[in-house]
Amino acid sequence: MKDWLRRYWQILSRPSVHFSLGFLTLGGFIAGILFWGGFNTAMEVTNTEQFCTSCHEMEANPFQELRGTIHYDNRSGVRATCSDCHVPH
């Protein structure tokens, strides 16, 4: 068991041309997954009506105007939100 651990440590502790490309690829892949997850989380949070109307400019005029339209209150009960029109799909 100790020989295996010592050999593994020697491989990791010395610089190697063969492993550096693999570690860079793996590091880039992990960084890409983290960036993608963070980006999607930020998009989900900022695409809510609560976020859009949190600004005093939106709360005062445009949101009050939206409440009087068919997009906000209709017979089907399906309401259009800000991101339906203002975010590319």
N, C-alpha and C. Protein backbone atom coordinates (compact mmCIF):
# COMPACT_ATOMS: atom_id res chain seq x y z
N MET A 1 0.83 -1.20 0.00
CA MET A 1 0.00 0.00 0.00
C MET A 1 0.87 1.26 0.00
N LYS A 2 1.92 1.25 0.81
CA LYS A 2 2.78 2.44 0.87
C LYS A 2 3.55 2.64 -0.43
N ASP A 3 3.92 1.54 -1.09
CA ASP A 3 4.64 1.67 -2.36
C ASP A 3 3.75 2.33 -3.42
N TRP A 4 2.49 1.95 -3.44
CA TRP A 4 1.56 2.54 -4.39
C TRP A 4 1.40 4.03 -4.13
N LEU A 5 1.29 4.40 -2.87
CA LEU A 5 1.13 5.81 -2.50
C LEU A 5 2.39 6.61 -2.82
N ARG A 6 3.55 6.02 -2.56
CA ARG A 6 4.82 6.70 -2.84
C ARG A 6 4.98 6.90 -4.35
N ARG A 7 4.64 5.89 -5.14
CA ARG A 7 4.75 5.99 -6.59
C ARG A 7 3.78 7.05 -7.13
N TYR A 8 2.58 7.07 -6.61
CA TYR A 8 1.58 8.07 -7.02
C TYR A 8 2.07 9.48 -6.68
N TRP A 9 2.66 9.65 -5.51
CA TRP A 9 3.16 10.96 -5.11
C TRP A 9 4.31 11.39 -6.01
N GLN A 10 5.18 10.47 -6.41
CA GLN A 10 6.30 10.82 -7.31
C GLN A 10 5.77 11.27 -8.67
N ILE A 11 4.73 10.63 -9.14
CA ILE A 11 4.15 11.03 -10.43
C ILE A 11 3.57 12.44 -10.34
N LEU A 12 2.89 12.73 -9.25
CA LEU A 12 2.26 14.05 -9.10
C LEU A 12 3.25 15.15 -8.77
N SER A 13 4.34 14.83 -8.09
CA SER A 13 5.25 15.87 -7.62
C SER A 13 6.25 16.34 -8.67
N ARG A 14 6.54 15.53 -9.67
CA ARG A 14 7.50 15.97 -10.68
C ARG A 14 6.76 16.46 -11.92
N PRO A 15 7.25 17.51 -12.53
CA PRO A 15 6.59 18.02 -13.74
C PRO A 15 6.77 17.03 -14.90
N SER A 16 5.74 16.88 -15.66
CA SER A 16 5.78 15.96 -16.79
C SER A 16 5.02 16.56 -17.96
N VAL A 17 5.57 16.39 -19.13
CA VAL A 17 4.93 16.91 -20.34
C VAL A 17 3.63 16.15 -20.62
N HIS A 18 3.62 14.87 -20.38
CA HIS A 18 2.45 14.05 -20.69
C HIS A 18 1.26 14.37 -19.79
N PHE A 19 1.52 14.58 -18.51
CA PHE A 19 0.43 14.83 -17.59
C PHE A 19 -0.05 16.28 -17.62
N SER A 20 0.81 17.20 -18.02
CA SER A 20 0.41 18.60 -17.98
C SER A 20 -0.75 18.87 -18.95
N LEU A 21 -0.71 18.29 -20.12
CA LEU A 21 -1.80 18.49 -21.08
C LEU A 21 -3.09 17.87 -20.55
N GLY A 22 -2.98 16.72 -19.93
CA GLY A 22 -4.16 16.08 -19.36
C GLY A 22 -4.76 16.90 -18.22
N PHE A 23 -3.89 17.42 -17.36
CA PHE A 23 -4.38 18.23 -16.25
C PHE A 23 -4.96 19.55 -16.73
N LEU A 24 -4.36 20.14 -17.76
CA LEU A 24 -4.92 21.37 -18.33
C LEU A 24 -6.29 21.10 -18.95
N THR A 25 -6.41 20.00 -19.64
CA THR A 25 -7.69 19.64 -20.25
C THR A 25 -8.74 19.39 -19.18
N LEU A 26 -8.38 18.62 -18.17
CA LEU A 26 -9.31 18.34 -17.08
C LEU A 26 -9.67 19.62 -16.32
N GLY A 27 -8.66 20.47 -16.06
CA GLY A 27 -8.92 21.74 -15.37
C GLY A 27 -9.83 22.64 -16.18
N GLY A 28 -9.61 22.70 -17.50
CA GLY A 28 -10.47 23.50 -18.36
C GLY A 28 -11.89 22.96 -18.40
N PHE A 29 -12.02 21.64 -18.40
CA PHE A 29 -13.34 21.02 -18.40
C PHE A 29 -14.08 21.33 -17.11
N ILE A 30 -13.40 21.21 -15.98
CA ILE A 30 -14.02 21.50 -14.68
C ILE A 30 -14.38 22.98 -14.58
N ALA A 31 -13.47 23.86 -15.03
CA ALA A 31 -13.75 25.29 -15.01
C ALA A 31 -14.94 25.62 -15.91
N GLY A 32 -15.04 24.97 -17.05
CA GLY A 32 -16.17 25.18 -17.95
C GLY A 32 -17.49 24.77 -17.33
N ILE A 33 -17.48 23.64 -16.63
CA ILE A 33 -18.70 23.19 -15.95
C ILE A 33 -19.10 24.17 -14.86
N LEU A 34 -18.11 24.65 -14.09
CA LEU A 34 -18.42 25.61 -13.02
C LEU A 34 -18.95 26.92 -13.60
N PHE A 35 -18.34 27.41 -14.69
CA PHE A 35 -18.81 28.64 -15.32
C PHE A 35 -20.22 28.45 -15.86
N TRP A 36 -20.47 27.34 -16.53
CA TRP A 36 -21.79 27.05 -17.09
C TRP A 36 -22.85 26.99 -15.99
N GLY A 37 -22.52 26.33 -14.89
CA GLY A 37 -23.46 26.24 -13.77
C GLY A 37 -23.74 27.60 -13.15
N GLY A 38 -22.68 28.40 -12.97
CA GLY A 38 -22.86 29.74 -12.41
C GLY A 38 -23.65 30.64 -13.34
N PHE A 39 -23.37 30.55 -14.63
CA PHE A 39 -24.08 31.38 -15.61
C PHE A 39 -25.56 31.02 -15.65
N ASN A 40 -25.86 29.74 -15.68
CA ASN A 40 -27.27 29.32 -15.71
C ASN A 40 -27.99 29.70 -14.43
N THR A 41 -27.32 29.60 -13.30
CA THR A 41 -27.93 30.01 -12.04
C THR A 41 -28.24 31.50 -12.05
N ALA A 42 -27.28 32.31 -12.52
CA ALA A 42 -27.50 33.75 -12.60
C ALA A 42 -28.64 34.08 -13.56
N MET A 43 -28.73 33.38 -14.68
CA MET A 43 -29.82 33.62 -15.63
C MET A 43 -31.17 33.25 -15.03
N GLU A 44 -31.23 32.17 -14.29
CA GLU A 44 -32.49 31.77 -13.66
C GLU A 44 -32.94 32.79 -12.62
N VAL A 45 -32.00 33.30 -11.85
CA VAL A 45 -32.34 34.27 -10.80
C VAL A 45 -32.79 35.60 -11.41
N THR A 46 -32.11 36.05 -12.45
CA THR A 46 -32.42 37.36 -13.02
C THR A 46 -33.58 37.33 -14.01
N ASN A 47 -34.08 36.17 -14.37
CA ASN A 47 -35.22 36.09 -15.28
C ASN A 47 -36.56 36.01 -14.56
N THR A 48 -36.58 36.32 -13.29
CA THR A 48 -37.84 36.27 -12.55
C THR A 48 -38.49 37.64 -12.53
N GLU A 49 -39.80 37.64 -12.40
CA GLU A 49 -40.53 38.91 -12.33
C GLU A 49 -40.16 39.68 -11.06
N GLN A 50 -39.89 38.96 -10.00
CA GLN A 50 -39.50 39.61 -8.74
C GLN A 50 -38.20 40.39 -8.91
N PHE A 51 -37.24 39.83 -9.63
CA PHE A 51 -35.98 40.53 -9.87
C PHE A 51 -36.19 41.74 -10.77
N CYS A 52 -36.98 41.56 -11.83
CA CYS A 52 -37.20 42.65 -12.79
C CYS A 52 -37.89 43.85 -12.14
N THR A 53 -38.82 43.60 -11.25
CA THR A 53 -39.57 44.70 -10.64
C THR A 53 -38.95 45.18 -9.34
N SER A 54 -37.77 44.68 -8.98
CA SER A 54 -37.13 45.13 -7.74
C SER A 54 -36.56 46.54 -7.88
N CYS A 55 -36.36 47.00 -9.09
CA CYS A 55 -35.86 48.36 -9.32
C CYS A 55 -37.02 49.35 -9.15
N HIS A 56 -36.75 50.48 -8.53
CA HIS A 56 -37.83 51.46 -8.28
C HIS A 56 -38.41 52.01 -9.58
N GLU A 57 -37.62 52.03 -10.64
CA GLU A 57 -38.12 52.51 -11.93
C GLU A 57 -39.17 51.56 -12.50
N MET A 58 -38.93 50.29 -12.39
CA MET A 58 -39.87 49.30 -12.93
C MET A 58 -41.12 49.20 -12.07
N GLU A 59 -40.96 49.29 -10.78
CA GLU A 59 -42.11 49.14 -9.86
C GLU A 59 -43.10 50.29 -10.05
N ALA A 60 -42.61 51.48 -10.27
CA ALA A 60 -43.48 52.66 -10.31
C ALA A 60 -44.34 52.72 -11.57
N ASN A 61 -43.72 52.60 -12.75
CA ASN A 61 -44.48 52.82 -13.98
C ASN A 61 -44.74 51.58 -14.83
N PRO A 62 -43.73 50.94 -15.38
CA PRO A 62 -44.01 49.85 -16.33
C PRO A 62 -44.78 48.67 -15.72
N PHE A 63 -44.47 48.31 -14.48
CA PHE A 63 -45.16 47.17 -13.88
C PHE A 63 -46.62 47.50 -13.60
N GLN A 64 -46.90 48.73 -13.19
CA GLN A 64 -48.29 49.14 -12.97
C GLN A 64 -49.06 49.15 -14.29
N GLU A 65 -48.38 49.55 -15.35
CA GLU A 65 -49.02 49.55 -16.66
C GLU A 65 -49.27 48.11 -17.14
N LEU A 66 -48.34 47.21 -16.86
CA LEU A 66 -48.50 45.80 -17.25
C LEU A 66 -49.69 45.16 -16.55
N ARG A 67 -49.95 45.54 -15.33
CA ARG A 67 -51.06 44.94 -14.58
C ARG A 67 -52.41 45.20 -15.22
N GLY A 68 -52.52 46.24 -16.00
CA GLY A 68 -53.79 46.55 -16.65
C GLY A 68 -53.97 45.91 -18.02
N THR A 69 -53.00 45.14 -18.47
CA THR A 69 -53.08 44.56 -19.81
C THR A 69 -53.55 43.11 -19.76
N ILE A 70 -53.87 42.58 -20.93
CA ILE A 70 -54.31 41.19 -21.05
C ILE A 70 -53.17 40.22 -20.77
N HIS A 71 -51.93 40.68 -20.89
CA HIS A 71 -50.78 39.81 -20.64
C HIS A 71 -50.66 39.45 -19.16
N TYR A 72 -51.15 40.30 -18.30
CA TYR A 72 -51.04 40.06 -16.86
C TYR A 72 -52.23 39.29 -16.31
N ASP A 73 -53.42 39.64 -16.76
CA ASP A 73 -54.64 39.02 -16.23
C ASP A 73 -55.52 38.59 -17.40
N ASN A 74 -55.63 37.29 -17.62
CA ASN A 74 -56.46 36.79 -18.71
C ASN A 74 -57.25 35.56 -18.27
N ARG A 75 -58.13 35.10 -19.13
CA ARG A 75 -59.02 33.98 -18.79
C ARG A 75 -58.27 32.66 -18.60
N SER A 76 -57.19 32.46 -19.34
CA SER A 76 -56.49 31.18 -19.26
C SER A 76 -55.65 31.06 -17.99
N GLY A 77 -55.32 32.18 -17.38
CA GLY A 77 -54.51 32.15 -16.16
C GLY A 77 -53.02 32.08 -16.42
N VAL A 78 -52.62 32.00 -17.68
CA VAL A 78 -51.20 31.98 -18.03
C VAL A 78 -50.75 33.42 -18.22
N ARG A 79 -49.81 33.84 -17.42
CA ARG A 79 -49.38 35.23 -17.42
C ARG A 79 -48.01 35.36 -18.06
N ALA A 80 -47.84 36.35 -18.91
CA ALA A 80 -46.54 36.63 -19.51
C ALA A 80 -45.69 37.39 -18.50
N THR A 81 -44.44 36.98 -18.38
CA THR A 81 -43.51 37.68 -17.49
C THR A 81 -42.54 38.51 -18.32
N CYS A 82 -41.73 39.31 -17.66
CA CYS A 82 -40.80 40.20 -18.35
C CYS A 82 -39.87 39.43 -19.28
N SER A 83 -39.36 38.30 -18.81
CA SER A 83 -38.38 37.55 -19.60
C SER A 83 -38.99 36.90 -20.83
N ASP A 84 -40.30 36.76 -20.89
CA ASP A 84 -40.92 36.19 -22.08
C ASP A 84 -40.71 37.07 -23.31
N CYS A 85 -40.66 38.37 -23.11
CA CYS A 85 -40.48 39.30 -24.24
C CYS A 85 -39.08 39.92 -24.29
N HIS A 86 -38.44 40.09 -23.16
CA HIS A 86 -37.21 40.87 -23.11
C HIS A 86 -35.94 40.05 -22.99
N VAL A 87 -36.02 38.73 -23.05
CA VAL A 87 -34.84 37.87 -23.01
C VAL A 87 -34.90 36.96 -24.22
N PRO A 88 -33.82 36.87 -25.00
CA PRO A 88 -33.84 35.98 -26.17
C PRO A 88 -34.01 34.52 -25.76
N HIS A 89 -34.78 33.80 -26.53
CA HIS A 89 -35.02 32.37 -26.25
C HIS A 89 -34.33 31.51 -27.27
